[in-house]
Structures are given as C-alpha cells and as structure tokens.
C-alpha atoms as a PDB file:
ATOM      1  CA  MET A   1      52.304   0.839  26.579  1.00  0.00           C
ATOM      2  CA  VAL A   2      55.029  -1.792  26.548  1.00  0.00           C
ATOM      3  CA  ILE A   3      54.526  -4.420  29.255  1.00  0.00           C
ATOM      4  CA  ILE A   4      57.406  -5.941  31.209  1.00  0.00           C
ATOM      5  CA  ARG A   5      56.407  -9.534  31.901  1.00  0.00           C
ATOM      6  CA  SER A   6      56.966 -11.323  35.202  1.00  0.00           C
ATOM      7  CA  PRO A   7      58.831 -14.665  35.329  1.00  0.00           C
ATOM      8  CA  GLU A   8      55.488 -16.423  35.857  1.00  0.00           C
ATOM      9  CA  GLU A   9      53.949 -14.725  32.818  1.00  0.00           C
ATOM     10  CA  ILE A  10      57.004 -15.572  30.727  1.00  0.00           C
ATOM     11  CA  LYS A  11      56.565 -19.230  31.676  1.00  0.00           C
ATOM     12  CA  TYR A  12      52.970 -19.168  30.422  1.00  0.00           C
ATOM     13  CA  ILE A  13      54.018 -17.426  27.196  1.00  0.00           C
ATOM     14  CA  ARG A  14      56.862 -19.925  26.743  1.00  0.00           C
ATOM     15  CA  ASP A  15      54.400 -22.827  27.038  1.00  0.00           C
ATOM     16  CA  SER A  16      52.136 -21.283  24.402  1.00  0.00           C
ATOM     17  CA  CYS A  17      55.082 -20.570  22.111  1.00  0.00           C
ATOM     18  CA  LYS A  18      56.262 -24.169  22.346  1.00  0.00           C
ATOM     19  CA  ILE A  19      52.907 -25.368  21.046  1.00  0.00           C
ATOM     20  CA  ALA A  20      53.023 -22.848  18.188  1.00  0.00           C
ATOM     21  CA  ALA A  21      56.553 -23.938  17.287  1.00  0.00           C
ATOM     22  CA  ASN A  22      55.686 -27.626  17.291  1.00  0.00           C
ATOM     23  CA  ALA A  23      52.528 -26.967  15.268  1.00  0.00           C
ATOM     24  CA  LEU A  24      54.611 -25.117  12.682  1.00  0.00           C
ATOM     25  CA  LYS A  25      57.064 -28.003  12.584  1.00  0.00           C
ATOM     26  CA  ARG A  26      54.188 -30.446  12.043  1.00  0.00           C
ATOM     27  CA  VAL A  27      52.792 -28.391   9.161  1.00  0.00           C
ATOM     28  CA  GLN A  28      56.222 -27.962   7.558  1.00  0.00           C
ATOM     29  CA  GLU A  29      56.696 -31.728   7.631  1.00  0.00           C
ATOM     30  CA  ASN A  30      53.468 -32.127   5.655  1.00  0.00           C
ATOM     31  CA  VAL A  31      54.168 -29.550   2.949  1.00  0.00           C
ATOM     32  CA  SER A  32      54.262 -31.483  -0.321  1.00  0.00           C
ATOM     33  CA  VAL A  33      53.173 -31.277  -3.929  1.00  0.00           C
ATOM     34  CA  GLY A  34      49.407 -31.800  -4.194  1.00  0.00           C
ATOM     35  CA  ILE A  35      48.364 -31.101  -0.614  1.00  0.00           C
ATOM     36  CA  THR A  36      45.787 -28.342  -0.134  1.00  0.00           C
ATOM     37  CA  THR A  37      46.276 -25.394   2.177  1.00  0.00           C
ATOM     38  CA  LEU A  38      43.032 -26.364   3.920  1.00  0.00           C
ATOM     39  CA  GLU A  39      44.535 -29.761   4.737  1.00  0.00           C
ATOM     40  CA  LEU A  40      47.542 -28.002   6.263  1.00  0.00           C
ATOM     41  CA  ASP A  41      45.186 -25.835   8.311  1.00  0.00           C
ATOM     42  CA  LYS A  42      43.454 -28.930   9.711  1.00  0.00           C
ATOM     43  CA  ILE A  43      46.800 -30.497  10.640  1.00  0.00           C
ATOM     44  CA  ALA A  44      47.701 -27.379  12.612  1.00  0.00           C
ATOM     45  CA  GLU A  45      44.309 -26.961  14.259  1.00  0.00           C
ATOM     46  CA  ASP A  46      44.099 -30.592  15.345  1.00  0.00           C
ATOM     47  CA  PHE A  47      47.598 -30.436  16.826  1.00  0.00           C
ATOM     48  CA  ILE A  48      47.016 -27.156  18.685  1.00  0.00           C
ATOM     49  CA  ILE A  49      43.727 -28.330  20.198  1.00  0.00           C
ATOM     50  CA  LYS A  50      45.239 -31.674  21.196  1.00  0.00           C
ATOM     51  CA  GLN A  51      47.851 -29.746  23.199  1.00  0.00           C
ATOM     52  CA  GLY A  52      45.101 -27.957  25.124  1.00  0.00           C
ATOM     53  CA  ALA A  53      45.505 -24.616  23.362  1.00  0.00           C
ATOM     54  CA  LYS A  54      43.381 -22.613  20.924  1.00  0.00           C
ATOM     55  CA  PRO A  55      44.324 -21.337  17.457  1.00  0.00           C
ATOM     56  CA  ALA A  56      44.854 -17.618  18.073  1.00  0.00           C
ATOM     57  CA  PHE A  57      43.978 -16.514  14.549  1.00  0.00           C
ATOM     58  CA  LYS A  58      40.584 -18.226  14.370  1.00  0.00           C
ATOM     59  CA  GLY A  59      37.918 -15.586  14.959  1.00  0.00           C
ATOM     60  CA  TYR A  60      40.446 -12.735  14.872  1.00  0.00           C
ATOM     61  CA  GLY A  61      39.334  -9.513  13.215  1.00  0.00           C
ATOM     62  CA  THR A  62      36.287  -7.289  13.038  1.00  0.00           C
ATOM     63  CA  ASP A  63      32.693  -8.442  13.454  1.00  0.00           C
ATOM     64  CA  ASP A  64      32.066  -8.194   9.706  1.00  0.00           C
ATOM     65  CA  ASN A  65      35.292  -9.936   8.640  1.00  0.00           C
ATOM     66  CA  LYS A  66      36.612 -12.464  11.133  1.00  0.00           C
ATOM     67  CA  PHE A  67      39.397 -14.841  10.101  1.00  0.00           C
ATOM     68  CA  LYS A  68      37.801 -18.290   9.867  1.00  0.00           C
ATOM     69  CA  TYR A  69      40.869 -20.504   9.930  1.00  0.00           C
ATOM     70  CA  SER A  70      43.624 -21.548  12.314  1.00  0.00           C
ATOM     71  CA  ILE A  71      46.711 -20.568  10.309  1.00  0.00           C
ATOM     72  CA  CYS A  72      47.702 -18.157   7.565  1.00  0.00           C
ATOM     73  CA  VAL A  73      49.121 -19.762   4.418  1.00  0.00           C
ATOM     74  CA  SER A  74      50.607 -17.380   1.860  1.00  0.00           C
ATOM     75  CA  ILE A  75      51.897 -18.693  -1.467  1.00  0.00           C
ATOM     76  CA  ASN A  76      54.454 -17.092  -3.802  1.00  0.00           C
ATOM     77  CA  GLU A  77      53.474 -13.398  -4.261  1.00  0.00           C
ATOM     78  CA  GLU A  78      51.212 -13.544  -1.194  1.00  0.00           C
ATOM     79  CA  VAL A  79      53.012 -11.801   1.668  1.00  0.00           C
ATOM     80  CA  VAL A  80      50.902 -12.568   4.752  1.00  0.00           C
ATOM     81  CA  HIS A  81      47.361 -13.434   5.870  1.00  0.00           C
ATOM     82  CA  GLY A  82      46.671 -15.928   3.090  1.00  0.00           C
ATOM     83  CA  ILE A  83      43.442 -17.876   3.633  1.00  0.00           C
ATOM     84  CA  PRO A  84      43.485 -21.700   3.616  1.00  0.00           C
ATOM     85  CA  GLY A  85      41.392 -23.292   0.888  1.00  0.00           C
ATOM     86  CA  LYS A  86      41.269 -25.867  -1.896  1.00  0.00           C
ATOM     87  CA  ARG A  87      44.417 -24.624  -3.647  1.00  0.00           C
ATOM     88  CA  ARG A  88      46.943 -27.421  -4.092  1.00  0.00           C
ATOM     89  CA  LEU A  89      50.649 -26.801  -3.722  1.00  0.00           C
ATOM     90  CA  ARG A  90      52.728 -27.184  -6.866  1.00  0.00           C
ATOM     91  CA  GLU A  91      56.371 -28.028  -7.437  1.00  0.00           C
ATOM     92  CA  GLY A  92      58.433 -24.845  -7.202  1.00  0.00           C
ATOM     93  CA  ASP A  93      55.968 -22.895  -5.034  1.00  0.00           C
ATOM     94  CA  ILE A  94      56.954 -21.328  -1.745  1.00  0.00           C
ATOM     95  CA  ILE A  95      54.509 -21.231   1.145  1.00  0.00           C
ATOM     96  CA  SER A  96      54.632 -19.002   4.214  1.00  0.00           C
ATOM     97  CA  ILE A  97      52.999 -20.593   7.256  1.00  0.00           C
ATOM     98  CA  ASP A  98      52.055 -18.310  10.150  1.00  0.00           C
ATOM     99  CA  ILE A  99      50.733 -19.857  13.373  1.00  0.00           C
ATOM    100  CA  GLY A 100      49.439 -18.284  16.578  1.00  0.00           C
ATOM    101  CA  THR A 101      48.379 -20.042  19.779  1.00  0.00           C
ATOM    102  CA  ASN A 102      46.418 -19.094  22.869  1.00  0.00           C
ATOM    103  CA  LEU A 103      47.148 -21.185  25.955  1.00  0.00           C
ATOM    104  CA  ARG A 104      45.316 -20.103  29.102  1.00  0.00           C
ATOM    105  CA  GLY A 105      45.190 -16.509  27.855  1.00  0.00           C
ATOM    106  CA  TYR A 106      48.842 -16.236  26.804  1.00  0.00           C
ATOM    107  CA  PHE A 107      49.933 -16.134  23.190  1.00  0.00           C
ATOM    108  CA  GLY A 108      52.651 -17.507  20.940  1.00  0.00           C
ATOM    109  CA  ASP A 109      53.365 -16.526  17.326  1.00  0.00           C
ATOM    110  CA  THR A 110      55.766 -17.975  14.761  1.00  0.00           C
ATOM    111  CA  ALA A 111      56.160 -18.253  10.987  1.00  0.00           C
ATOM    112  CA  ALA A 112      58.381 -19.727   8.296  1.00  0.00           C
ATOM    113  CA  THR A 113      58.490 -19.913   4.513  1.00  0.00           C
ATOM    114  CA  VAL A 114      59.327 -23.266   2.967  1.00  0.00           C
ATOM    115  CA  PRO A 115      59.862 -24.473  -0.598  1.00  0.00           C
ATOM    116  CA  VAL A 116      57.567 -27.007  -2.224  1.00  0.00           C
ATOM    117  CA  GLY A 117      59.984 -29.406  -3.851  1.00  0.00           C
ATOM    118  CA  LYS A 118      62.793 -27.675  -5.730  1.00  0.00           C
ATOM    119  CA  VAL A 119      62.873 -23.911  -6.253  1.00  0.00           C
ATOM    120  CA  ASP A 120      65.221 -21.858  -8.382  1.00  0.00           C
ATOM    121  CA  SER A 121      68.361 -20.315  -6.901  1.00  0.00           C
ATOM    122  CA  LYS A 122      66.974 -16.758  -6.680  1.00  0.00           C
ATOM    123  CA  VAL A 123      63.960 -17.964  -4.716  1.00  0.00           C
ATOM    124  CA  GLN A 124      66.154 -20.036  -2.419  1.00  0.00           C
ATOM    125  CA  LYS A 125      68.281 -16.946  -1.812  1.00  0.00           C
ATOM    126  CA  LEU A 126      65.126 -15.030  -0.840  1.00  0.00           C
ATOM    127  CA  LEU A 127      64.330 -17.654   1.807  1.00  0.00           C
ATOM    128  CA  THR A 128      67.900 -17.723   3.101  1.00  0.00           C
ATOM    129  CA  VAL A 129      68.240 -13.938   3.302  1.00  0.00           C
ATOM    130  CA  THR A 130      64.872 -13.506   5.029  1.00  0.00           C
ATOM    131  CA  LYS A 131      65.695 -16.107   7.665  1.00  0.00           C
ATOM    132  CA  GLU A 132      69.162 -14.635   8.198  1.00  0.00           C
ATOM    133  CA  SER A 133      67.679 -11.155   8.605  1.00  0.00           C
ATOM    134  CA  LEU A 134      65.401 -12.459  11.366  1.00  0.00           C
ATOM    135  CA  PHE A 135      68.357 -13.759  13.344  1.00  0.00           C
ATOM    136  CA  LYS A 136      70.325 -10.561  12.764  1.00  0.00           C
ATOM    137  CA  GLY A 137      67.398  -8.630  14.198  1.00  0.00           C
ATOM    138  CA  ILE A 138      67.121 -11.018  17.145  1.00  0.00           C
ATOM    139  CA  LYS A 139      70.827 -10.558  17.865  1.00  0.00           C
ATOM    140  CA  LYS A 140      70.158  -6.862  18.511  1.00  0.00           C
ATOM    141  CA  ALA A 141      67.322  -7.594  20.951  1.00  0.00           C
ATOM    142  CA  LYS A 142      69.063  -7.081  24.273  1.00  0.00           C
ATOM    143  CA  PRO A 143      69.013  -4.651  27.183  1.00  0.00           C
ATOM    144  CA  GLY A 144      70.656  -1.329  26.387  1.00  0.00           C
ATOM    145  CA  ASN A 145      69.843  -1.438  22.692  1.00  0.00           C
ATOM    146  CA  ARG A 146      66.910   0.387  21.166  1.00  0.00           C
ATOM    147  CA  LEU A 147      64.044  -0.846  19.038  1.00  0.00           C
ATOM    148  CA  GLY A 148      65.517   0.807  15.949  1.00  0.00           C
ATOM    149  CA  ASP A 149      68.603  -1.386  16.279  1.00  0.00           C
ATOM    150  CA  ILE A 150      66.461  -4.455  15.557  1.00  0.00           C
ATOM    151  CA  SER A 151      64.740  -2.746  12.629  1.00  0.00           C
ATOM    152  CA  TYR A 152      67.965  -1.477  11.087  1.00  0.00           C
ATOM    153  CA  ALA A 153      69.735  -4.835  11.375  1.00  0.00           C
ATOM    154  CA  ILE A 154      66.917  -6.495   9.431  1.00  0.00           C
ATOM    155  CA  GLN A 155      66.756  -3.794   6.770  1.00  0.00           C
ATOM    156  CA  GLU A 156      70.510  -3.703   6.227  1.00  0.00           C
ATOM    157  CA  SER A 157      70.719  -7.489   5.899  1.00  0.00           C
ATOM    158  CA  VAL A 158      67.909  -7.573   3.342  1.00  0.00           C
ATOM    159  CA  GLU A 159      68.807  -4.574   1.207  1.00  0.00           C
ATOM    160  CA  LYS A 160      72.469  -5.467   0.787  1.00  0.00           C
ATOM    161  CA  ASN A 161      71.168  -8.598  -0.953  1.00  0.00           C
ATOM    162  CA  ASN A 162      68.987  -6.512  -3.300  1.00  0.00           C
ATOM    163  CA  PHE A 163      65.662  -7.508  -1.787  1.00  0.00           C
ATOM    164  CA  SER A 164      63.162  -5.170  -0.093  1.00  0.00           C
ATOM    165  CA  VAL A 165      61.466  -5.205   3.310  1.00  0.00           C
ATOM    166  CA  VAL A 166      57.704  -4.820   3.501  1.00  0.00           C
ATOM    167  CA  ARG A 167      56.861  -1.552   5.258  1.00  0.00           C
ATOM    168  CA  GLU A 168      53.115  -1.710   5.837  1.00  0.00           C
ATOM    169  CA  TYR A 169      53.291  -4.722   8.179  1.00  0.00           C
ATOM    170  CA  VAL A 170      55.441  -5.085  11.253  1.00  0.00           C
ATOM    171  CA  GLY A 171      56.440  -7.232  14.188  1.00  0.00           C
ATOM    172  CA  HIS A 172      54.881  -6.576  17.573  1.00  0.00           C
ATOM    173  CA  GLY A 173      54.821  -7.125  21.275  1.00  0.00           C
ATOM    174  CA  ILE A 174      52.924 -10.208  22.426  1.00  0.00           C
ATOM    175  CA  GLY A 175      51.799 -11.727  25.712  1.00  0.00           C
ATOM    176  CA  SER A 176      48.260 -11.617  27.065  1.00  0.00           C
ATOM    177  CA  ASN A 177      47.168 -10.307  23.651  1.00  0.00           C
ATOM    178  CA  LEU A 178      48.248 -11.479  20.222  1.00  0.00           C
ATOM    179  CA  HIS A 179      49.300  -7.974  19.210  1.00  0.00           C
ATOM    180  CA  GLU A 180      50.670  -5.538  21.779  1.00  0.00           C
ATOM    181  CA  ASP A 181      53.028  -2.578  21.858  1.00  0.00           C
ATOM    182  CA  PRO A 182      55.598  -1.972  20.578  1.00  0.00           C
ATOM    183  CA  GLN A 183      55.281  -2.168  16.825  1.00  0.00           C
ATOM    184  CA  ILE A 184      58.546  -3.457  15.331  1.00  0.00           C
ATOM    185  CA  PRO A 185      59.147  -2.244  11.759  1.00  0.00           C
ATOM    186  CA  ASN A 186      61.593  -4.163   9.604  1.00  0.00           C
ATOM    187  CA  TYR A 187      63.301  -0.928   8.605  1.00  0.00           C
ATOM    188  CA  GLY A 188      64.547   1.967  10.672  1.00  0.00           C
ATOM    189  CA  ILE A 189      67.332   4.048  12.114  1.00  0.00           C
ATOM    190  CA  PRO A 190      69.780   2.548  14.624  1.00  0.00           C
ATOM    191  CA  HIS A 191      69.958   3.960  18.169  1.00  0.00           C
ATOM    192  CA  THR A 192      66.374   5.261  17.954  1.00  0.00           C
ATOM    193  CA  GLY A 193      63.092   4.126  19.469  1.00  0.00           C
ATOM    194  CA  ILE A 194      62.321   2.771  22.913  1.00  0.00           C
ATOM    195  CA  MET A 195      65.048   1.290  25.087  1.00  0.00           C
ATOM    196  CA  LEU A 196      64.877  -2.498  25.267  1.00  0.00           C
ATOM    197  CA  GLU A 197      64.513  -4.031  28.732  1.00  0.00           C
ATOM    198  CA  ALA A 198      64.547  -7.509  30.238  1.00  0.00           C
ATOM    199  CA  GLY A 199      61.034  -8.944  30.397  1.00  0.00           C
ATOM    200  CA  MET A 200      59.850  -7.522  27.082  1.00  0.00           C
ATOM    201  CA  VAL A 201      58.307 -10.193  24.840  1.00  0.00           C
ATOM    202  CA  LEU A 202      58.537  -9.463  21.126  1.00  0.00           C
ATOM    203  CA  ALA A 203      57.425 -11.165  17.911  1.00  0.00           C
ATOM    204  CA  ILE A 204      60.028 -10.215  15.321  1.00  0.00           C
ATOM    205  CA  GLU A 205      58.964 -11.006  11.751  1.00  0.00           C
ATOM    206  CA  PRO A 206      60.688  -9.781   8.601  1.00  0.00           C
ATOM    207  CA  MET A 207      58.585  -9.939   5.443  1.00  0.00           C
ATOM    208  CA  VAL A 208      60.824  -9.641   2.399  1.00  0.00           C
ATOM    209  CA  ASN A 209      60.012  -9.194  -1.293  1.00  0.00           C
ATOM    210  CA  MET A 210      62.080 -10.091  -4.333  1.00  0.00           C
ATOM    211  CA  GLY A 211      60.888  -6.890  -6.001  1.00  0.00           C
ATOM    212  CA  ASP A 212      59.464  -3.640  -4.661  1.00  0.00           C
ATOM    213  CA  TYR A 213      58.283  -3.351  -1.051  1.00  0.00           C
ATOM    214  CA  LYS A 214      54.772  -2.128  -1.922  1.00  0.00           C
ATOM    215  CA  THR A 215      51.777  -4.347  -1.175  1.00  0.00           C
ATOM    216  CA  ARG A 216      47.999  -4.385  -1.540  1.00  0.00           C
ATOM    217  CA  ILE A 217      45.145  -6.241   0.151  1.00  0.00           C
ATOM    218  CA  CYS A 218      43.029  -8.614  -1.945  1.00  0.00           C
ATOM    219  CA  ASP A 219      39.251  -8.370  -2.206  1.00  0.00           C
ATOM    220  CA  ASN A 220      38.797 -10.968   0.559  1.00  0.00           C
ATOM    221  CA  GLY A 221      39.972  -8.310   3.010  1.00  0.00           C
ATOM    222  CA  TRP A 222      42.817 -10.452   4.338  1.00  0.00           C
ATOM    223  CA  THR A 223      45.399 -11.694   1.863  1.00  0.00           C
ATOM    224  CA  VAL A 224      48.268  -9.258   1.324  1.00  0.00           C
ATOM    225  CA  VAL A 225      50.124  -9.537  -1.996  1.00  0.00           C
ATOM    226  CA  THR A 226      53.025  -7.684  -3.576  1.00  0.00           C
ATOM    227  CA  GLU A 227      51.937  -4.935  -5.955  1.00  0.00           C
ATOM    228  CA  ASP A 228      54.454  -6.031  -8.586  1.00  0.00           C
ATOM    229  CA  LYS A 229      53.631  -9.761  -8.140  1.00  0.00           C
ATOM    230  CA  SER A 230      57.185 -10.523  -7.021  1.00  0.00           C
ATOM    231  CA  TRP A 231      57.501 -13.401  -4.558  1.00  0.00           C
ATOM    232  CA  SER A 232      57.736 -12.819  -0.832  1.00  0.00           C
ATOM    233  CA  ALA A 233      59.066 -14.657   2.238  1.00  0.00           C
ATOM    234  CA  HIS A 234      58.231 -14.378   5.947  1.00  0.00           C
ATOM    235  CA  PHE A 235      59.962 -15.719   9.057  1.00  0.00           C
ATOM    236  CA  GLU A 236      58.996 -15.040  12.681  1.00  0.00           C
ATOM    237  CA  HIS A 237      60.079 -15.906  16.191  1.00  0.00           C
ATOM    238  CA  THR A 238      58.694 -14.819  19.544  1.00  0.00           C
ATOM    239  CA  ILE A 239      61.487 -13.885  21.946  1.00  0.00           C
ATOM    240  CA  VAL A 240      61.845 -12.604  25.487  1.00  0.00           C
ATOM    241  CA  ILE A 241      64.581 -10.139  26.342  1.00  0.00           C
ATOM    242  CA  THR A 242      66.668 -11.401  29.253  1.00  0.00           C
ATOM    243  CA  LYS A 243      69.232  -9.793  31.525  1.00  0.00           C
ATOM    244  CA  ASN A 244      72.083 -10.891  29.262  1.00  0.00           C
ATOM    245  CA  GLY A 245      70.439 -10.993  25.831  1.00  0.00           C
ATOM    246  CA  ASN A 246      67.340 -12.888  24.753  1.00  0.00           C
ATOM    247  CA  GLU A 247      65.696 -16.284  24.586  1.00  0.00           C
ATOM    248  CA  ILE A 248      63.879 -17.525  21.490  1.00  0.00           C
ATOM    249  CA  LEU A 249      60.607 -19.017  22.734  1.00  0.00           C
ATOM    250  CA  THR A 250      59.387 -20.539  19.459  1.00  0.00           C
ATOM    251  CA  ILE A 251      61.978 -23.297  19.024  1.00  0.00           C
ATOM    252  CA  PRO A 252      60.257 -26.670  18.439  1.00  0.00           C
ATOM    253  CA  SER A 253      60.958 -29.735  20.553  1.00  0.00           C
END
C-alpha cells in the first residue's frame, strides 16, 4: 500500500533526508586515493550520530545476515550493497556511496557515484548519463503522471547512450520504513502503473551498467556485481510529490 504522507510527516522525513544528504557530501569530500572504504564508513557514521540520527543500514537484513556497517560502498563493477573494509581506493576507480538515515523513526536515502582522481572518458560518460537519468525520472514525478512515466524516462535516457539499466534492483517508497511501496523500476512503459499523488515520498535510484544489465550477488550475501564485470554507477534522491510537481529532499546544505 502506498502511503500519502501528512505535512508533519514530510517535515520529519525532510529533516532525516537533510542529514543523509550532508553525510553523503561529507563522504564525497573525503574520497581520495589511498583512503579505505572503512574509513569512509566511519566518517559517515560519526557525522550521522552527531546529528542525532541513526545509520539506517546498520543492522538491516535477516537475523543470519545483518548489514554491519553504516553505508554501502560499491567500487567499479560493484553495483550496490558493497561492504566497507580495508580496500584502498586507487586512481581511476569509481565509488558508489549509498547512505540511509533514521531520525526519530523517519528515513532518508541518497546515493552518488564519484570518480577517484581522473577516470577515462567512457567512465565519466557513465557517471554523467546515470545522474542525468535520475533527474529525467524526477522530472516525471508529479501529480497526474503514472509510475511508469518515471521508469520509462530513466530507461530511455540510459539506453539512448548505449548503457543498460539494472533490472533486479529498484527504487522505492520511503517514510516510516526504509523500503515501502511502491517499487520503482528503472525501466518500464509510459502511462502505466499507479497514479502519482501529492504526498507520496519516493526514493528514485537508477543503477546503470556500461555493459549488460545482468547482475549477481557475491558470496558475502550482500555485494551485487555485474555479471560481465562491466562498471556500474548509481545515483539516488528522495523526493516528495507536491501539488505542482516535486521537491528533492536530499539536497545538502
């Protein structure tokens, strides 16, 4: 069931999203050659806790496989859900940083992929196209449109640039839970799906591969990688649909 949030609830979600956005900004500022992904995780966790929130990803999952860290860090061919560790970033890598926050029971979620030093032109194009596809999807998030309009806008933007959208993982509703209805695929048919209404809060997040869209999960039960080992990018914003369009909630200060 898709929940229409009250103005008071939207305020709480907005506050949580602001912390997530500023945490992401802080981590991005610290991405550099030689830093470990575990060090980036600590930067995010310390910042989130200092703001009075909790890292939403820490402890997420099933009883036998809970996520132990505060952020997801996915490098190169890793699509999403990469686990922080001792790996050091190298010149030419790309790193996707995904951050969720829980502030007084309301959630925020945001992600971005950034280069480590200089990357080649094809990789830079992947980052540019993925980010552009996010904003093209957001542009379709308004009352009177349907969910498929968001999905199609993302897919069209990506595929015309000869990249592929990941199909096994999707965007989602968000609010008093990290993941809520509706699921938001990054591919679809325009003018289909549920009607969008003011008060819906959505986390839109294209995941885009340089090669084929197929993925697999690593033995750790979390990290998703491309089957063909092509590199992947991921951008995400949490938005609320308003009477006249939408508001992006995960813009940093």
